Protein backbone atom coordinates (compact mmCIF):
# COMPACT_ATOMS: atom_id res chain seq x y z
CA MET A 1 6.66 84.03 -31.57
CA LYS A 2 5.36 84.51 -28.05
CA ASN A 3 4.45 80.82 -27.82
CA ASN A 4 7.98 79.83 -28.87
CA ILE A 5 9.49 82.02 -26.16
CA GLU A 6 7.17 80.56 -23.54
CA HIS A 7 7.97 77.03 -24.73
CA LYS A 8 11.71 77.68 -24.37
CA LYS A 9 11.21 79.12 -20.89
CA ASN A 10 9.21 76.06 -19.82
CA LYS A 11 11.88 73.72 -21.16
CA LYS A 12 14.56 75.66 -19.27
CA HIS A 13 12.55 75.58 -16.05
CA ASN A 14 11.93 71.85 -16.40
CA LEU A 15 15.64 71.25 -16.75
CA ILE A 16 16.38 73.35 -13.65
CA TYR A 17 13.76 71.50 -11.62
CA LYS A 18 15.11 68.12 -12.72
CA THR A 19 18.66 69.18 -11.77
CA LEU A 20 17.52 70.33 -8.33
CA TYR A 21 15.65 67.05 -7.88
CA VAL A 22 18.80 65.08 -8.58
CA MET A 23 20.80 67.24 -6.16
CA ILE A 24 18.27 66.58 -3.40
CA LEU A 25 18.36 62.85 -4.08
CA PHE A 26 22.16 62.96 -4.03
CA ILE A 27 22.17 64.63 -0.60
CA LEU A 28 19.70 62.06 0.72
CA ALA A 29 21.89 59.29 -0.62
CA LYS A 30 24.92 60.78 1.15
CA LEU A 31 23.02 60.88 4.42
CA ASN A 32 22.18 57.22 4.01
CA LEU A 33 25.63 56.26 2.71
CA ASN A 34 26.56 54.07 5.67
CA LYS A 35 23.14 52.46 6.00
CA LYS A 36 22.90 49.16 4.26
CA ASP A 37 19.24 49.22 3.54
CA ASN A 38 16.91 49.23 0.57
CA ILE A 39 16.23 52.97 0.92
CA ASN A 40 19.79 53.92 0.01
CA TYR A 41 19.82 51.53 -2.92
CA SER A 42 16.54 52.83 -4.29
CA ILE A 43 17.70 56.45 -4.01
CA GLN A 44 20.87 55.67 -5.96
CA GLU A 45 18.81 53.98 -8.66
CA GLU A 46 16.55 57.02 -8.82
CA ILE A 47 19.54 59.30 -9.19
CA GLU A 48 20.91 57.25 -12.07
CA LYS A 49 17.55 57.33 -13.84
CA GLU A 50 17.18 61.09 -13.47
CA VAL A 51 20.74 61.80 -14.56
CA GLU A 52 20.14 59.67 -17.64
CA LYS A 53 16.97 61.66 -18.42
CA ILE A 54 18.80 64.97 -18.07
CA GLU A 55 21.67 63.76 -20.25
CA SER A 56 19.19 62.65 -22.90
CA TYR A 57 17.38 65.99 -22.64
CA ARG A 58 20.66 67.85 -23.05
CA LYS A 59 21.42 65.99 -26.25
CA ARG A 60 18.13 66.71 -28.00
CA PRO A 61 18.98 68.53 -31.22
CA THR A 62 17.67 71.87 -32.39
CA LEU A 63 17.52 72.67 -36.09
CA ASN A 64 19.93 75.59 -35.71
CA ASP A 65 22.49 73.45 -33.87
CA VAL A 66 22.25 70.66 -36.43
CA ILE A 67 22.61 73.01 -39.40
CA LYS A 68 25.61 74.62 -37.68
CA ASP A 69 27.16 71.15 -37.30
CA PHE A 70 26.57 70.35 -40.96
CA ILE A 71 27.94 73.70 -42.18
CA GLY A 72 31.16 73.00 -40.31
CA ILE A 73 31.54 69.65 -42.08
CA VAL A 74 30.45 70.86 -45.51
CA ASN A 75 32.99 73.69 -45.41
CA LYS A 76 35.72 71.24 -44.36
CA TYR A 77 35.22 69.06 -47.44
CA GLU A 78 34.33 71.70 -50.03
CA TYR A 79 37.83 71.42 -51.48
CA LEU A 80 36.95 67.95 -52.83
CA LEU A 81 34.80 69.57 -55.51
CA LYS A 82 38.00 70.55 -57.32
CA GLU A 83 38.95 66.88 -57.58
CA GLU A 84 35.57 65.54 -58.73
CA LYS A 85 35.44 63.03 -61.56
CA ASN A 86 32.45 61.88 -63.59
CA ILE A 87 30.51 58.83 -62.42
CA GLU A 88 32.07 55.65 -63.79
CA GLU A 89 30.19 53.65 -66.39
CA ASP A 90 30.83 50.41 -64.48
CA CYS A 91 30.48 51.64 -60.89
CA PRO A 92 28.39 49.48 -58.52
CA ILE A 93 24.65 49.90 -58.00
CA TRP A 94 23.73 49.50 -54.33
CA THR A 95 20.30 48.62 -53.01
CA MET A 96 19.11 46.94 -49.84
CA TRP A 97 16.57 44.63 -48.26
CA TYR A 98 18.05 44.30 -44.81
CA GLN A 99 15.91 41.39 -43.60
CA GLY A 100 17.23 39.17 -46.40
CA ILE A 101 16.29 38.64 -50.04
CA GLU A 102 14.21 35.59 -49.20
CA LYS A 103 11.98 37.82 -47.05
CA ALA A 104 11.42 40.49 -49.68
CA PRO A 105 7.85 40.83 -51.03
CA PRO A 106 7.28 39.68 -54.64
CA ILE A 107 6.97 43.25 -55.92
CA VAL A 108 10.36 44.15 -54.41
CA LEU A 109 11.91 41.10 -56.09
CA SER A 110 10.44 42.37 -59.37
CA CYS A 111 12.05 45.73 -58.70
CA PHE A 112 15.38 44.01 -58.12
CA GLN A 113 14.95 42.11 -61.38
CA SER A 114 14.15 45.30 -63.29
CA LEU A 115 17.35 46.76 -61.89
CA ILE A 116 19.40 43.71 -62.93
CA GLU A 117 17.96 43.78 -66.46
CA ASN A 118 18.68 47.49 -66.89
CA ARG A 119 22.01 47.68 -65.07
CA GLY A 120 24.13 48.22 -68.19
CA LYS A 121 27.78 47.71 -67.21
CA HIS A 122 27.06 48.22 -63.52
CA PRO A 123 27.19 45.31 -61.04
CA VAL A 124 24.13 45.20 -58.77
CA ILE A 125 24.75 44.51 -55.08
CA ILE A 126 21.82 43.89 -52.73
CA ILE A 127 22.79 44.60 -49.14
CA THR A 128 21.25 42.48 -46.37
CA LYS A 129 22.09 41.88 -42.73
CA TYR A 130 23.85 38.72 -43.86
CA ASN A 131 26.38 40.38 -46.17
CA ILE A 132 26.69 43.99 -44.97
CA ASP A 133 29.89 43.23 -43.03
CA LYS A 134 31.57 42.18 -46.29
CA TYR A 135 31.36 45.74 -47.54
CA ILE A 136 31.34 48.17 -44.62
CA LYS A 137 32.13 48.40 -40.93
CA LEU A 138 29.94 50.87 -39.06
CA PRO A 139 31.03 52.50 -35.79
CA TYR A 140 29.99 50.76 -32.60
CA TYR A 141 27.73 53.61 -31.46
CA ILE A 142 25.80 53.47 -34.74
CA MET A 143 25.07 49.76 -34.37
CA GLU A 144 24.28 50.16 -30.68
CA LYS A 145 21.74 52.91 -31.32
CA PHE A 146 20.24 50.97 -34.22
CA ASN A 147 19.89 47.83 -32.11
CA ASN A 148 18.41 49.91 -29.27
CA ARG A 149 15.91 51.41 -31.76
CA THR A 150 17.16 54.96 -31.28
CA PHE A 151 16.49 55.25 -35.01
CA SER A 152 14.55 53.06 -37.42
CA LEU A 153 15.67 50.74 -40.21
CA ILE A 154 14.72 53.47 -42.69
CA HIS A 155 17.22 55.87 -41.16
CA PHE A 156 19.77 53.11 -40.71
CA SER A 157 19.63 52.66 -44.48
CA ASP A 158 20.50 56.36 -44.90
CA ILE A 159 23.72 55.76 -42.97
CA VAL A 160 24.43 52.56 -44.88
CA ARG A 161 23.98 54.17 -48.30
CA PHE A 162 26.40 57.02 -47.67
CA THR A 163 28.94 54.73 -46.05
CA LEU A 164 28.88 52.59 -49.20
CA LEU A 165 28.96 55.59 -51.51
CA PHE A 166 31.83 57.15 -49.56
CA LYS A 167 33.89 53.96 -49.65
CA TYR A 168 33.07 52.67 -53.14
CA GLY A 169 31.07 55.28 -55.05
CA GLY A 170 28.30 54.27 -57.42
CA TYR A 171 24.51 54.44 -57.40
CA TRP A 172 22.15 53.99 -54.49
CA ILE A 173 18.68 53.03 -55.70
CA ASP A 174 15.94 52.21 -53.20
CA SER A 175 14.50 48.71 -53.35
CA THR A 176 11.07 50.02 -54.38
CA TYR A 177 12.21 51.61 -57.63
CA PHE A 178 11.07 49.83 -60.78
CA ILE A 179 13.66 50.56 -63.46
CA THR A 180 12.32 50.74 -67.00
CA THR A 181 15.24 52.02 -69.08
CA PRO A 182 18.94 51.08 -69.15
CA ILE A 183 21.11 52.99 -66.72
CA SER A 184 23.42 54.68 -69.19
CA LYS A 185 26.60 56.69 -68.68
CA VAL A 186 26.18 60.20 -67.24
CA ASP A 187 28.81 62.90 -67.70
CA THR A 188 28.57 64.41 -64.23
CA PRO A 189 30.16 63.79 -60.81
CA PHE A 190 26.73 63.75 -59.17
CA TYR A 191 23.42 62.43 -60.44
CA THR A 192 19.99 62.20 -58.89
CA LEU A 193 16.32 62.38 -59.85
CA LYS A 194 15.44 66.06 -59.92
CA LEU A 195 11.67 66.48 -60.00
CA LYS A 196 9.98 69.22 -61.95
CA ASN A 197 6.73 68.72 -60.05
CA CYS A 198 7.63 68.51 -56.38
CA TRP A 199 5.50 66.18 -54.25
CA ILE A 200 5.68 68.48 -51.20
CA LYS A 201 5.04 72.20 -51.10
CA HIS A 202 6.49 74.99 -48.95
CA HIS A 203 8.91 72.77 -47.05
CA PRO A 204 12.00 74.54 -45.63
CA PHE A 205 14.54 72.16 -47.15
CA ILE A 206 12.75 69.72 -49.48
CA LYS A 207 12.81 71.30 -52.92
CA CYS A 208 12.83 68.05 -54.96
CA LEU A 209 16.12 69.08 -56.56
CA PHE A 210 17.61 65.78 -55.43
CA SER A 211 16.30 62.39 -54.36
CA GLY A 212 18.23 60.67 -51.58
CA ASN A 213 16.60 57.39 -52.62
CA TYR A 214 18.11 57.57 -56.14
CA ILE A 215 21.57 59.07 -56.12
CA ALA A 216 24.97 58.53 -57.73
CA VAL A 217 28.42 59.84 -56.80
CA THR A 218 32.06 58.89 -57.19
CA LYS A 219 34.21 57.35 -54.46
CA ASN A 220 35.46 59.87 -51.88
CA SER A 221 33.54 62.63 -53.66
CA PHE A 222 32.49 65.85 -51.97
CA LEU A 223 28.88 64.89 -51.33
CA ALA A 224 29.62 61.31 -50.30
CA THR A 225 32.38 62.37 -47.89
CA TYR A 226 30.45 65.26 -46.35
CA SER A 227 27.22 63.26 -45.99
CA TYR A 228 29.04 60.27 -44.48
CA TYR A 229 30.67 62.37 -41.77
CA ALA A 230 27.49 64.40 -41.23
CA PHE A 231 25.53 61.24 -40.41
CA LEU A 232 28.27 59.93 -38.11
CA LEU A 233 28.52 63.22 -36.21
CA TYR A 234 24.76 63.55 -35.88
CA TRP A 235 24.23 60.11 -34.35
CA LYS A 236 27.31 60.36 -32.18
CA LYS A 237 26.11 63.65 -30.75
CA TYR A 238 22.33 63.17 -30.62
CA ASN A 239 19.91 60.48 -29.49
CA SER A 240 16.76 61.50 -31.33
CA LEU A 241 15.73 62.31 -34.89
CA ILE A 242 15.21 66.00 -35.53
CA ASN A 243 13.25 65.37 -38.71
CA TYR A 244 12.13 62.33 -40.68
CA PHE A 245 13.85 63.80 -43.75
CA LEU A 246 17.30 64.08 -42.18
CA ILE A 247 18.95 62.87 -45.40
CA ASP A 248 17.29 65.70 -47.33
CA LEU A 249 18.45 68.23 -44.75
CA ILE A 250 22.05 67.02 -45.05
CA ILE A 251 22.06 67.30 -48.86
CA TYR A 252 20.19 70.62 -48.77
CA VAL A 253 22.87 72.22 -46.57
CA ALA A 254 25.45 71.30 -49.21
CA TYR A 255 23.22 72.71 -51.94
CA ASP A 256 22.46 75.89 -50.02
CA LYS A 257 25.98 76.67 -48.78
CA ILE A 258 28.33 75.42 -51.49
CA LEU A 259 28.06 77.23 -54.82
CA GLY A 260 30.08 74.63 -56.70
CA PHE A 261 27.70 71.87 -55.69
CA LYS A 262 24.66 74.02 -56.50
CA ASN A 263 26.07 74.53 -60.01
CA ILE A 264 26.42 70.77 -60.49
CA VAL A 265 22.80 70.22 -59.39
CA SER A 266 21.59 72.97 -61.71
CA LYS A 267 22.93 71.05 -64.74
CA ILE A 268 21.00 67.86 -63.95
CA PRO A 269 17.85 67.69 -66.13
CA PHE A 270 14.42 67.58 -64.50
CA VAL A 271 12.36 64.40 -64.51
CA PRO A 272 9.18 65.43 -66.35
CA CYS A 273 6.59 63.59 -64.24
CA SER A 274 6.02 62.05 -60.83
CA ILE A 275 8.18 59.14 -59.72
CA PHE A 276 5.13 57.88 -57.84
CA ARG A 277 3.03 57.61 -60.99
CA LEU A 278 3.11 53.82 -61.19
CA GLN A 279 2.16 53.50 -57.52
CA VAL A 280 -1.38 54.73 -58.12
CA LYS A 281 -1.85 52.32 -61.05
CA LEU A 282 -0.80 49.08 -59.33
CA ASN A 283 -4.38 48.11 -58.59
CA SER A 284 -5.76 49.12 -61.96
CA GLU A 285 -6.29 46.82 -64.93
CA PHE A 286 -3.24 46.26 -67.09
CA LYS A 287 -3.51 46.88 -70.83
CA LYS A 288 -0.84 46.37 -73.46
CA SER A 289 -1.01 50.05 -74.27
CA ASP A 290 0.22 50.70 -70.71
CA ILE A 291 3.63 49.27 -71.55
CA CYS A 292 4.60 52.76 -72.66
CA LEU A 293 4.30 53.85 -69.03
CA TYR A 294 7.18 51.55 -68.17
CA ASN A 295 9.48 52.83 -70.88
CA LYS A 296 9.84 56.47 -69.94
CA LEU A 297 10.81 56.77 -66.34
CA LYS A 298 12.12 55.23 -63.19
CA ARG A 299 9.33 55.06 -60.60
CA LYS A 300 9.01 54.36 -56.93
CA PHE A 301 5.96 52.73 -55.40
CA LYS A 302 4.68 51.03 -52.28
CA PHE A 303 4.72 47.25 -52.26
CA HIS A 304 1.32 45.87 -51.35
CA LYS A 305 -0.27 42.93 -53.14
CA ARG A 306 -3.36 44.09 -54.98
CA HIS A 307 -6.17 42.40 -56.87
CA LYS A 308 -9.12 43.60 -58.89
CA GLY A 309 -11.59 40.87 -59.82
CA ASN A 310 -10.44 38.53 -62.58
CA THR A 311 -8.49 41.15 -64.49
CA THR A 312 -4.71 41.38 -64.61
CA THR A 313 -3.48 44.33 -62.62
CA HIS A 314 -0.24 46.20 -63.09
CA TYR A 315 1.00 44.55 -59.90
CA GLU A 316 0.30 41.06 -61.28
CA TYR A 317 1.89 41.91 -64.63
CA LEU A 318 5.08 43.08 -62.96
CA ILE A 319 5.59 40.08 -60.70
CA GLU A 320 4.79 37.71 -63.56
CA HIS A 321 7.09 39.24 -66.16
CA TYR A 322 9.95 40.29 -63.84
CA LYS A 323 10.67 37.15 -61.86
CA PHE A 324 13.76 37.46 -59.76
CA ASP A 325 16.88 35.70 -61.10
CA TYR A 326 18.47 34.03 -58.08
CA ASN A 327 21.24 32.70 -60.34
CA TYR A 328 22.43 36.26 -60.82
CA ILE A 329 22.62 36.65 -57.06
CA ASN A 330 24.59 33.43 -56.64
CA LYS A 331 27.06 34.37 -59.36
CA ASN A 332 27.53 38.06 -58.72
CA LEU A 333 26.53 39.27 -55.30
CA PHE A 334 27.89 37.06 -52.56
CA LYS A 335 31.49 36.39 -53.59
């Protein structure tokens, strides 16, 4: 507690010192206003740099401020829960490989193929930088900050997914999920993978009651609307990431503050085992008896090519038996 107080005092003092520094530079610049020399020019440049630093410092988020922002938005759109409808049986499934499908690793292409084969009545749409403008238009400041690397491609995809879900509804499924069973109709306005065995312990807002990388909502639903505006407000107001798991924080605020949404989440059944289970087996030898592993659960895994002697690994089995159907892409995704 004492260390936190001291840290806050130091931050306050640093801000005061920086402000005084800028004021001194400003006075020096005024004194040299009528002198056309390099000194005046360099002082003005220095002022601009320091002002920019202070402005950036001022906009650094604190967890309390961010949660307060999100609570304001979540309360604004709570009324949408009364209008919720169940997820449509033929709603779109969204996924993304931003660099382009031709640049996706073989294992990701196999994941896409598993999604296509198990899509049911859902159309599958793979978002890339070449087709994203056909579906959504992001605010200028979002694209500017993304292009300036204020946030990474991973966090850009968080914004993209909730923009798509807000506008169209449907499923968002990360490109590294291997789908093993048909995606059937669910009688709920919100669906996600709710994990019985959480992969992280004692985290303030990650409880594994929802997975932002596998989520389904209806168009203009409560969660899609709130999350969409929460992301836009956050990146309009701030210039740095408060936490890597920002998407989890946004959803958790809805879960924590809105009883109606908590009740919906409580009715979603738990997934009985880890979604990362297949990941640890990719390098191991494949046996026919292992097929049963693929028939129970949707799993997420990292996509690195792996070999083990002359045996067939799970990785090799997947890319051999789930070869990506480019004809499906040509017929269904880029119209």
